[in-house]
PDB file of N, CA and C in Angstrom:
ATOM      1  N   MET A   1    -119.611-141.267 -34.657  1.00  0.00           N
ATOM      2  CA  MET A   1    -120.970-141.201 -34.134  1.00  0.00           C
ATOM      3  C   MET A   1    -121.292-139.749 -33.753  1.00  0.00           C
ATOM      4  N   TYR A   2    -122.522-139.368 -33.984  1.00  0.00           N
ATOM      5  CA  TYR A   2    -122.935-138.004 -33.686  1.00  0.00           C
ATOM      6  C   TYR A   2    -123.148-137.831 -32.187  1.00  0.00           C
ATOM      7  N   SER A   3    -122.765-136.668 -31.711  1.00  0.00           N
ATOM      8  CA  SER A   3    -123.001-136.395 -30.303  1.00  0.00           C
ATOM      9  C   SER A   3    -124.446-135.922 -30.103  1.00  0.00           C
ATOM     10  N   ILE A   4    -124.926-136.084 -28.919  1.00  0.00           N
ATOM     11  CA  ILE A   4    -126.295-135.673 -28.579  1.00  0.00           C
ATOM     12  C   ILE A   4    -126.456-134.163 -28.757  1.00  0.00           C
ATOM     13  N   LYS A   5    -125.441-133.385 -28.413  1.00  0.00           N
ATOM     14  CA  LYS A   5    -125.529-131.927 -28.539  1.00  0.00           C
ATOM     15  C   LYS A   5    -125.692-131.517 -29.999  1.00  0.00           C
ATOM     16  N   LEU A   6    -124.965-132.156 -30.887  1.00  0.00           N
ATOM     17  CA  LEU A   6    -125.084-131.829 -32.306  1.00  0.00           C
ATOM     18  C   LEU A   6    -126.481-132.158 -32.828  1.00  0.00           C
ATOM     19  N   VAL A   7    -127.016-133.294 -32.450  1.00  0.00           N
ATOM     20  CA  VAL A   7    -128.354-133.688 -32.884  1.00  0.00           C
ATOM     21  C   VAL A   7    -129.394-132.713 -32.350  1.00  0.00           C
ATOM     22  N   LYS A   8    -129.244-132.290 -31.102  1.00  0.00           N
ATOM     23  CA  LYS A   8    -130.177-131.314 -30.521  1.00  0.00           C
ATOM     24  C   LYS A   8    -130.101-129.986 -31.256  1.00  0.00           C
ATOM     25  N   LYS A   9    -128.875-129.536 -31.571  1.00  0.00           N
ATOM     26  CA  LYS A   9    -128.721-128.271 -32.285  1.00  0.00           C
ATOM     27  C   LYS A   9    -129.356-128.345 -33.671  1.00  0.00           C
ATOM     28  N   LEU A  10    -129.103-129.438 -34.374  1.00  0.00           N
ATOM     29  CA  LEU A  10    -129.701-129.593 -35.699  1.00  0.00           C
ATOM     30  C   LEU A  10    -131.219-129.656 -35.628  1.00  0.00           C
ATOM     31  N   PHE A  11    -131.743-130.336 -34.632  1.00  0.00           N
ATOM     32  CA  PHE A  11    -133.192-130.399 -34.456  1.00  0.00           C
ATOM     33  C   PHE A  11    -133.767-129.017 -34.168  1.00  0.00           C
ATOM     34  N   LEU A  12    -133.111-128.239 -33.311  1.00  0.00           N
ATOM     35  CA  LEU A  12    -133.596-126.897 -32.985  1.00  0.00           C
ATOM     36  C   LEU A  12    -133.539-125.979 -34.212  1.00  0.00           C
ATOM     37  N   ILE A  13    -132.502-126.105 -35.020  1.00  0.00           N
ATOM     38  CA  ILE A  13    -132.403-125.305 -36.242  1.00  0.00           C
ATOM     39  C   ILE A  13    -133.531-125.678 -37.204  1.00  0.00           C
ATOM     40  N   PHE A  14    -133.754-126.979 -37.377  1.00  0.00           N
ATOM     41  CA  PHE A  14    -134.840-127.435 -38.239  1.00  0.00           C
ATOM     42  C   PHE A  14    -136.189-126.943 -37.717  1.00  0.00           C
ATOM     43  N   LEU A  15    -136.415-127.057 -36.417  1.00  0.00           N
ATOM     44  CA  LEU A  15    -137.674-126.619 -35.812  1.00  0.00           C
ATOM     45  C   LEU A  15    -137.872-125.117 -35.996  1.00  0.00           C
ATOM     46  N   PHE A  16    -136.821-124.331 -35.801  1.00  0.00           N
ATOM     47  CA  PHE A  16    -136.904-122.889 -35.982  1.00  0.00           C
ATOM     48  C   PHE A  16    -137.265-122.547 -37.427  1.00  0.00           C
ATOM     49  N   CYS A  17    -136.604-123.199 -38.389  1.00  0.00           N
ATOM     50  CA  CYS A  17    -136.899-122.938 -39.807  1.00  0.00           C
ATOM     51  C   CYS A  17    -138.335-123.317 -40.157  1.00  0.00           C
ATOM     52  N   PHE A  18    -138.796-124.451 -39.640  1.00  0.00           N
ATOM     53  CA  PHE A  18    -140.168-124.871 -39.905  1.00  0.00           C
ATOM     54  C   PHE A  18    -141.167-123.882 -39.307  1.00  0.00           C
ATOM     55  N   LEU A  19    -140.929-123.444 -38.081  1.00  0.00           N
ATOM     56  CA  LEU A  19    -141.845-122.484 -37.447  1.00  0.00           C
ATOM     57  C   LEU A  19    -141.866-121.159 -38.199  1.00  0.00           C
ATOM     58  N   LEU A  20    -140.708-120.714 -38.656  1.00  0.00           N
ATOM     59  CA  LEU A  20    -140.645-119.475 -39.424  1.00  0.00           C
ATOM     60  C   LEU A  20    -141.430-119.614 -40.736  1.00  0.00           C
ATOM     61  N   TRP A  21    -141.262-120.756 -41.434  1.00  0.00           N
ATOM     62  CA  TRP A  21    -142.006-121.016 -42.658  1.00  0.00           C
ATOM     63  C   TRP A  21    -143.511-121.047 -42.384  1.00  0.00           C
ATOM     64  N   PHE A  22    -143.909-121.739 -41.318  1.00  0.00           N
ATOM     65  CA  PHE A  22    -145.321-121.850 -40.963  1.00  0.00           C
ATOM     66  C   PHE A  22    -145.920-120.489 -40.652  1.00  0.00           C
ATOM     67  N   ILE A  23    -145.208-119.658 -39.926  1.00  0.00           N
ATOM     68  CA  ILE A  23    -145.705-118.320 -39.579  1.00  0.00           C
ATOM     69  C   ILE A  23    -145.892-117.484 -40.840  1.00  0.00           C
ATOM     70  N   CYS A  24    -144.960-117.568 -41.787  1.00  0.00           N
ATOM     71  CA  CYS A  24    -145.086-116.808 -43.045  1.00  0.00           C
ATOM     72  C   CYS A  24    -146.308-117.264 -43.841  1.00  0.00           C
ATOM     73  N   ALA A  25    -146.484-118.572 -43.993  1.00  0.00           N
ATOM     74  CA  ALA A  25    -147.632-119.085 -44.748  1.00  0.00           C
ATOM     75  C   ALA A  25    -148.939-118.748 -44.036  1.00  0.00           C
ATOM     76  N   ALA A  26    -148.978-118.895 -42.720  1.00  0.00           N
ATOM     77  CA  ALA A  26    -150.199-118.610 -41.956  1.00  0.00           C
ATOM     78  C   ALA A  26    -150.543-117.117 -42.011  1.00  0.00           C
ATOM     79  N   THR A  27    -149.533-116.258 -41.996  1.00  0.00           N
ATOM     80  CA  THR A  27    -149.776-114.819 -42.086  1.00  0.00           C
ATOM     81  C   THR A  27    -150.413-114.460 -43.430  1.00  0.00           C
ATOM     82  N   ASP A  28    -149.875-115.019 -44.508  1.00  0.00           N
ATOM     83  CA  ASP A  28    -150.475-114.757 -45.821  1.00  0.00           C
ATOM     84  C   ASP A  28    -151.909-115.266 -45.883  1.00  0.00           C
ATOM     85  N   LEU A  29    -152.158-116.456 -45.367  1.00  0.00           N
ATOM     86  CA  LEU A  29    -153.515-117.004 -45.378  1.00  0.00           C
ATOM     87  C   LEU A  29    -154.458-116.162 -44.517  1.00  0.00           C
ATOM     88  N   PHE A  30    -154.001-115.716 -43.360  1.00  0.00           N
ATOM     89  CA  PHE A  30    -154.824-114.874 -42.484  1.00  0.00           C
ATOM     90  C   PHE A  30    -155.177-113.564 -43.178  1.00  0.00           C
ATOM     91  N   ARG A  31    -154.201-112.945 -43.844  1.00  0.00           N
ATOM     92  CA  ARG A  31    -154.468-111.695 -44.560  1.00  0.00           C
ATOM     93  C   ARG A  31    -155.453-111.916 -45.706  1.00  0.00           C
ATOM     94  N   LEU A  32    -155.333-113.042 -46.395  1.00  0.00           N
ATOM     95  CA  LEU A  32    -156.273-113.337 -47.480  1.00  0.00           C
ATOM     96  C   LEU A  32    -157.680-113.554 -46.949  1.00  0.00           C
ATOM     97  N   ASN A  33    -157.798-114.154 -45.774  1.00  0.00           N
ATOM     98  CA  ASN A  33    -159.125-114.332 -45.171  1.00  0.00           C
ATOM     99  C   ASN A  33    -159.788-112.991 -44.906  1.00  0.00           C
ATOM    100  N   SER A  34    -158.992-111.942 -44.718  1.00  0.00           N
ATOM    101  CA  SER A  34    -159.514-110.580 -44.538  1.00  0.00           C
ATOM    102  C   SER A  34    -159.558-109.828 -45.863  1.00  0.00           C
ATOM    103  N   PHE A  35    -159.298-110.542 -46.968  1.00  0.00           N
ATOM    104  CA  PHE A  35    -159.270-109.989 -48.320  1.00  0.00           C
ATOM    105  C   PHE A  35    -158.264-108.850 -48.450  1.00  0.00           C
ATOM    106  N   GLU A  36    -157.080-109.063 -47.855  1.00  0.00           N
ATOM    107  CA  GLU A  36    -155.949-108.156 -47.989  1.00  0.00           C
ATOM    108  C   GLU A  36    -154.861-108.859 -48.785  1.00  0.00           C
ATOM    109  N   MET A  37    -153.937-108.114 -49.349  1.00  0.00           N
ATOM    110  CA  MET A  37    -152.853-108.689 -50.140  1.00  0.00           C
ATOM    111  C   MET A  37    -151.859-109.433 -49.239  1.00  0.00           C
ATOM    112  N   PRO A  38    -151.249-110.505 -49.752  1.00  0.00           N
ATOM    113  CA  PRO A  38    -150.255-111.241 -48.956  1.00  0.00           C
ATOM    114  C   PRO A  38    -148.981-110.424 -48.759  1.00  0.00           C
ATOM    115  N   ILE A  39    -148.259-110.732 -47.686  1.00  0.00           N
ATOM    116  CA  ILE A  39    -147.013-110.027 -47.387  1.00  0.00           C
ATOM    117  C   ILE A  39    -145.803-110.812 -47.895  1.00  0.00           C
ATOM    118  N   PHE A  40    -145.771-112.115 -47.664  1.00  0.00           N
ATOM    119  CA  PHE A  40    -144.577-112.903 -47.928  1.00  0.00           C
ATOM    120  C   PHE A  40    -144.552-113.523 -49.321  1.00  0.00           C
ATOM    121  N   ALA A  41    -145.683-113.763 -49.923  1.00  0.00           N
ATOM    122  CA  ALA A  41    -145.712-114.296 -51.287  1.00  0.00           C
ATOM    123  C   ALA A  41    -145.427-113.154 -52.264  1.00  0.00           C
ATOM    124  N   ARG A  42    -144.600-113.418 -53.249  1.00  0.00           N
ATOM    125  CA  ARG A  42    -144.191-112.408 -54.218  1.00  0.00           C
ATOM    126  C   ARG A  42    -144.911-112.621 -55.540  1.00  0.00           C
ATOM    127  N   PRO A  43    -145.192-111.539 -56.274  1.00  0.00           N
ATOM    128  CA  PRO A  43    -145.891-111.664 -57.559  1.00  0.00           C
ATOM    129  C   PRO A  43    -145.079-112.472 -58.566  1.00  0.00           C
ATOM    130  N   ALA A  44    -145.743-113.409 -59.234  1.00  0.00           N
ATOM    131  CA  ALA A  44    -145.100-114.197 -60.287  1.00  0.00           C
ATOM    132  C   ALA A  44    -145.662-113.793 -61.647  1.00  0.00           C
ATOM    133  N   GLU A  45    -146.975-113.718 -61.745  1.00  0.00           N
ATOM    134  CA  GLU A  45    -147.647-113.292 -62.982  1.00  0.00           C
ATOM    135  C   GLU A  45    -148.765-112.348 -62.581  1.00  0.00           C
ATOM    136  N   ILE A  46    -148.660-111.099 -62.987  1.00  0.00           N
ATOM    137  CA  ILE A  46    -149.632-110.085 -62.575  1.00  0.00           C
ATOM    138  C   ILE A  46    -150.331-109.526 -63.813  1.00  0.00           C
ATOM    139  N   ALA A  47    -151.638-109.307 -63.681  1.00  0.00           N
ATOM    140  CA  ALA A  47    -152.433-108.713 -64.771  1.00  0.00           C
ATOM    141  C   ALA A  47    -152.197-107.204 -64.819  1.00  0.00           C
ATOM    142  N   ASP A  48    -152.737-106.569 -65.816  1.00  0.00           N
ATOM    143  CA  ASP A  48    -152.558-105.129 -66.005  1.00  0.00           C
ATOM    144  C   ASP A  48    -153.293-104.286 -64.970  1.00  0.00           C
ATOM    145  N   ASP A  49    -154.164-104.909 -64.171  1.00  0.00           N
ATOM    146  CA  ASP A  49    -154.903-104.117 -63.177  1.00  0.00           C
ATOM    147  C   ASP A  49    -154.069-103.832 -61.932  1.00  0.00           C
ATOM    148  N   GLY A  50    -152.854-104.364 -61.845  1.00  0.00           N
ATOM    149  CA  GLY A  50    -151.958-104.030 -60.747  1.00  0.00           C
ATOM    150  C   GLY A  50    -152.017-104.945 -59.548  1.00  0.00           C
ATOM    151  N   GLY A  51    -152.732-106.045 -59.599  1.00  0.00           N
ATOM    152  CA  GLY A  51    -152.777-106.910 -58.431  1.00  0.00           C
ATOM    153  C   GLY A  51    -153.274-108.316 -58.688  1.00  0.00           C
ATOM    154  N   SER A  52    -154.170-108.510 -59.619  1.00  0.00           N
ATOM    155  CA  SER A  52    -154.677-109.849 -59.913  1.00  0.00           C
ATOM    156  C   SER A  52    -153.572-110.693 -60.525  1.00  0.00           C
ATOM    157  N   GLY A  53    -153.552-111.983 -60.163  1.00  0.00           N
ATOM    158  CA  GLY A  53    -152.561-112.873 -60.741  1.00  0.00           C
ATOM    159  C   GLY A  53    -152.109-113.934 -59.769  1.00  0.00           C
ATOM    160  N   THR A  54    -150.923-114.468 -60.015  1.00  0.00           N
ATOM    161  CA  THR A  54    -150.346-115.533 -59.208  1.00  0.00           C
ATOM    162  C   THR A  54    -149.244-114.977 -58.329  1.00  0.00           C
ATOM    163  N   TYR A  55    -149.265-115.351 -57.057  1.00  0.00           N
ATOM    164  CA  TYR A  55    -148.242-114.979 -56.090  1.00  0.00           C
ATOM    165  C   TYR A  55    -147.615-116.258 -55.555  1.00  0.00           C
ATOM    166  N   LYS A  56    -146.281-116.276 -55.424  1.00  0.00           N
ATOM    167  CA  LYS A  56    -145.596-117.478 -54.978  1.00  0.00           C
ATOM    168  C   LYS A  56    -144.832-117.227 -53.693  1.00  0.00           C
ATOM    169  N   GLY A  57    -145.013-118.153 -52.747  1.00  0.00           N
ATOM    170  CA  GLY A  57    -144.230-118.180 -51.526  1.00  0.00           C
ATOM    171  C   GLY A  57    -143.316-119.392 -51.582  1.00  0.00           C
ATOM    172  N   PHE A  58    -142.654-119.703 -50.501  1.00  0.00           N
ATOM    173  CA  PHE A  58    -141.761-120.859 -50.449  1.00  0.00           C
ATOM    174  C   PHE A  58    -142.579-122.092 -50.067  1.00  0.00           C
ATOM    175  N   GLY A  59    -143.144-122.748 -51.073  1.00  0.00           N
ATOM    176  CA  GLY A  59    -143.950-123.937 -50.818  1.00  0.00           C
ATOM    177  C   GLY A  59    -145.438-123.711 -50.972  1.00  0.00           C
ATOM    178  N   TRP A  60    -145.854-122.485 -51.205  1.00  0.00           N
ATOM    179  CA  TRP A  60    -147.270-122.202 -51.420  1.00  0.00           C
ATOM    180  C   TRP A  60    -147.404-121.195 -52.555  1.00  0.00           C
ATOM    181  N   HIS A  61    -148.578-121.168 -53.170  1.00  0.00           N
ATOM    182  CA  HIS A  61    -148.876-120.132 -54.154  1.00  0.00           C
ATOM    183  C   HIS A  61    -150.337-119.737 -54.032  1.00  0.00           C
ATOM    184  N   ILE A  62    -150.615-118.548 -54.512  1.00  0.00           N
ATOM    185  CA  ILE A  62    -151.930-117.941 -54.342  1.00  0.00           C
ATOM    186  C   ILE A  62    -152.398-117.396 -55.688  1.00  0.00           C
ATOM    187  N   GLU A  63    -153.640-117.673 -56.021  1.00  0.00           N
ATOM    188  CA  GLU A  63    -154.287-117.087 -57.200  1.00  0.00           C
ATOM    189  C   GLU A  63    -155.234-115.999 -56.687  1.00  0.00           C
ATOM    190  N   ILE A  64    -155.023-114.756 -57.114  1.00  0.00           N
ATOM    191  CA  ILE A  64    -155.808-113.620 -56.622  1.00  0.00           C
ATOM    192  C   ILE A  64    -156.505-112.937 -57.793  1.00  0.00           C
ATOM    193  N   GLU A  65    -157.765-112.586 -57.578  1.00  0.00           N
ATOM    194  CA  GLU A  65    -158.503-111.718 -58.493  1.00  0.00           C
ATOM    195  C   GLU A  65    -159.053-110.576 -57.663  1.00  0.00           C
ATOM    196  N   GLY A  66    -159.093-109.397 -58.252  1.00  0.00           N
ATOM    197  CA  GLY A  66    -159.594-108.275 -57.482  1.00  0.00           C
ATOM    198  C   GLY A  66    -159.773-107.023 -58.304  1.00  0.00           C
ATOM    199  N   ASN A  67    -160.150-105.986 -57.600  1.00  0.00           N
ATOM    200  CA  ASN A  67    -160.343-104.653 -58.178  1.00  0.00           C
ATOM    201  C   ASN A  67    -159.196-103.790 -57.678  1.00  0.00           C
ATOM    202  N   PHE A  68    -158.224-103.523 -58.538  1.00  0.00           N
ATOM    203  CA  PHE A  68    -157.034-102.802 -58.104  1.00  0.00           C
ATOM    204  C   PHE A  68    -156.809-101.502 -58.858  1.00  0.00           C
ATOM    205  N   LEU A  69    -157.723-101.139 -59.718  1.00  0.00           N
ATOM    206  CA  LEU A  69    -157.604 -99.871 -60.433  1.00  0.00           C
ATOM    207  C   LEU A  69    -158.225 -98.751 -59.594  1.00  0.00           C
ATOM    208  N   PRO A  70    -157.739 -97.531 -59.728  1.00  0.00           N
ATOM    209  CA  PRO A  70    -158.258 -96.423 -58.904  1.00  0.00           C
ATOM    210  C   PRO A  70    -159.746 -96.161 -59.089  1.00  0.00           C
ATOM    211  N   GLU A  71    -160.280 -96.437 -60.268  1.00  0.00           N
ATOM    212  CA  GLU A  71    -161.695 -96.142 -60.513  1.00  0.00           C
ATOM    213  C   GLU A  71    -162.640 -97.255 -60.068  1.00  0.00           C
ATOM    214  N   ASP A  72    -162.117 -98.375 -59.553  1.00  0.00           N
ATOM    215  CA  ASP A  72    -162.973 -99.465 -59.103  1.00  0.00           C
ATOM    216  C   ASP A  72    -163.771 -99.057 -57.870  1.00  0.00           C
ATOM    217  N   LYS A  73    -165.038 -99.462 -57.856  1.00  0.00           N
ATOM    218  CA  LYS A  73    -165.936 -99.058 -56.776  1.00  0.00           C
ATOM    219  C   LYS A  73    -165.573 -99.714 -55.445  1.00  0.00           C
ATOM    220  N   PHE A  74    -165.281-101.014 -55.452  1.00  0.00           N
ATOM    221  CA  PHE A  74    -164.892-101.734 -54.242  1.00  0.00           C
ATOM    222  C   PHE A  74    -163.493-102.298 -54.439  1.00  0.00           C
ATOM    223  N   PRO A  75    -162.453-101.500 -54.123  1.00  0.00           N
ATOM    224  CA  PRO A  75    -161.083-101.945 -54.403  1.00  0.00           C
ATOM    225  C   PRO A  75    -160.624-103.060 -53.462  1.00  0.00           C
ATOM    226  N   GLY A  76    -159.650-103.823 -53.945  1.00  0.00           N
ATOM    227  CA  GLY A  76    -159.030-104.862 -53.128  1.00  0.00           C
ATOM    228  C   GLY A  76    -159.276-106.256 -53.680  1.00  0.00           C
ATOM    229  N   VAL A  77    -158.879-107.236 -52.880  1.00  0.00           N
ATOM    230  CA  VAL A  77    -159.020-108.639 -53.269  1.00  0.00           C
ATOM    231  C   VAL A  77    -160.496-109.011 -53.252  1.00  0.00           C
ATOM    232  N   THR A  78    -160.967-109.633 -54.323  1.00  0.00           N
ATOM    233  CA  THR A  78    -162.362-110.077 -54.379  1.00  0.00           C
ATOM    234  C   THR A  78    -162.487-111.596 -54.360  1.00  0.00           C
ATOM    235  N   GLN A  79    -161.411-112.294 -54.776  1.00  0.00           N
ATOM    236  CA  GLN A  79    -161.450-113.748 -54.824  1.00  0.00           C
ATOM    237  C   GLN A  79    -160.024-114.263 -54.710  1.00  0.00           C
ATOM    238  N   TYR A  80    -159.830-115.371 -53.987  1.00  0.00           N
ATOM    239  CA  TYR A  80    -158.493-115.954 -53.889  1.00  0.00           C
ATOM    240  C   TYR A  80    -158.585-117.465 -53.721  1.00  0.00           C
ATOM    241  N   ALA A  81    -157.487-118.118 -54.040  1.00  0.00           N
ATOM    242  CA  ALA A  81    -157.320-119.555 -53.817  1.00  0.00           C
ATOM    243  C   ALA A  81    -155.897-119.750 -53.294  1.00  0.00           C
ATOM    244  N   PHE A  82    -155.757-120.380 -52.128  1.00  0.00           N
ATOM    245  CA  PHE A  82    -154.469-120.596 -51.469  1.00  0.00           C
ATOM    246  C   PHE A  82    -154.089-122.063 -51.634  1.00  0.00           C
ATOM    247  N   TYR A  83    -152.938-122.319 -52.251  1.00  0.00           N
ATOM    248  CA  TYR A  83    -152.469-123.685 -52.510  1.00  0.00           C
ATOM    249  C   TYR A  83    -151.192-123.945 -51.711  1.00  0.00           C
ATOM    250  N   LEU A  84    -151.129-125.098 -51.079  1.00  0.00           N
ATOM    251  CA  LEU A  84    -149.913-125.568 -50.424  1.00  0.00           C
ATOM    252  C   LEU A  84    -149.386-126.696 -51.297  1.00  0.00           C
ATOM    253  N   GLY A  85    -148.281-126.440 -51.995  1.00  0.00           N
ATOM    254  CA  GLY A  85    -147.857-127.363 -53.043  1.00  0.00           C
ATOM    255  C   GLY A  85    -148.865-127.275 -54.171  1.00  0.00           C
ATOM    256  N   ASP A  86    -149.459-128.399 -54.526  1.00  0.00           N
ATOM    257  CA  ASP A  86    -150.515-128.406 -55.547  1.00  0.00           C
ATOM    258  C   ASP A  86    -151.900-128.621 -54.952  1.00  0.00           C
ATOM    259  N   ASP A  87    -151.988-128.670 -53.637  1.00  0.00           N
ATOM    260  CA  ASP A  87    -153.263-128.937 -52.963  1.00  0.00           C
ATOM    261  C   ASP A  87    -153.950-127.624 -52.569  1.00  0.00           C
ATOM    262  N   LEU A  88    -155.213-127.503 -52.939  1.00  0.00           N
ATOM    263  CA  LEU A  88    -155.998-126.331 -52.563  1.00  0.00           C
ATOM    264  C   LEU A  88    -156.296-126.402 -51.070  1.00  0.00           C
ATOM    265  N   ILE A  89    -155.885-125.391 -50.338  1.00  0.00           N
ATOM    266  CA  ILE A  89    -156.098-125.337 -48.892  1.00  0.00           C
ATOM    267  C   ILE A  89    -157.357-124.539 -48.565  1.00  0.00           C
ATOM    268  N   HIS A  90    -157.495-123.361 -49.188  1.00  0.00           N
ATOM    269  CA  HIS A  90    -158.644-122.510 -48.888  1.00  0.00           C
ATOM    270  C   HIS A  90    -158.911-121.591 -50.080  1.00  0.00           C
ATOM    271  N   ALA A  91    -160.174-121.335 -50.330  1.00  0.00           N
ATOM    272  CA  ALA A  91    -160.587-120.397 -51.371  1.00  0.00           C
ATOM    273  C   ALA A  91    -161.805-119.643 -50.882  1.00  0.00           C
ATOM    274  N   ALA A  92    -161.941-118.396 -51.308  1.00  0.00           N
ATOM    275  CA  ALA A  92    -163.097-117.599 -50.885  1.00  0.00           C
ATOM    276  C   ALA A  92    -163.372-116.512 -51.920  1.00  0.00           C
ATOM    277  N   ILE A  93    -164.619-116.039 -51.893  1.00  0.00           N
ATOM    278  CA  ILE A  93    -165.069-114.943 -52.742  1.00  0.00           C
ATOM    279  C   ILE A  93    -165.715-113.906 -51.852  1.00  0.00           C
ATOM    280  N   ARG A  94    -165.305-112.631 -52.021  1.00  0.00           N
ATOM    281  CA  ARG A  94    -165.898-111.540 -51.241  1.00  0.00           C
ATOM    282  C   ARG A  94    -167.253-111.207 -51.792  1.00  0.00           C
ATOM    283  N   ASP A  95    -168.231-111.065 -50.924  1.00  0.00           N
ATOM    284  CA  ASP A  95    -169.596-110.708 -51.358  1.00  0.00           C
ATOM    285  C   ASP A  95    -169.720-109.259 -51.715  1.00  0.00           C
TER     286      ASP A  95
END
């Protein structure tokens, strides 16, 4: 039979991992709301403009379109879609 201390330790480890995952996903979503590039999601498929494409995190992925070439008038993220699993969580277009 499992001891109470072991169950508590396992629960705390699980809770810590979940909170760390949540903070990473929330940070990327917060940065996207400001039309900035994500920190924790890594590029999976990137276009030749240096930033548009698909970014993958652990359990989430992001589709980004933007102006990333030096000659672009308004550089940065112009449109994004944030997916948790296969469910669309949030999408926006910069005016």
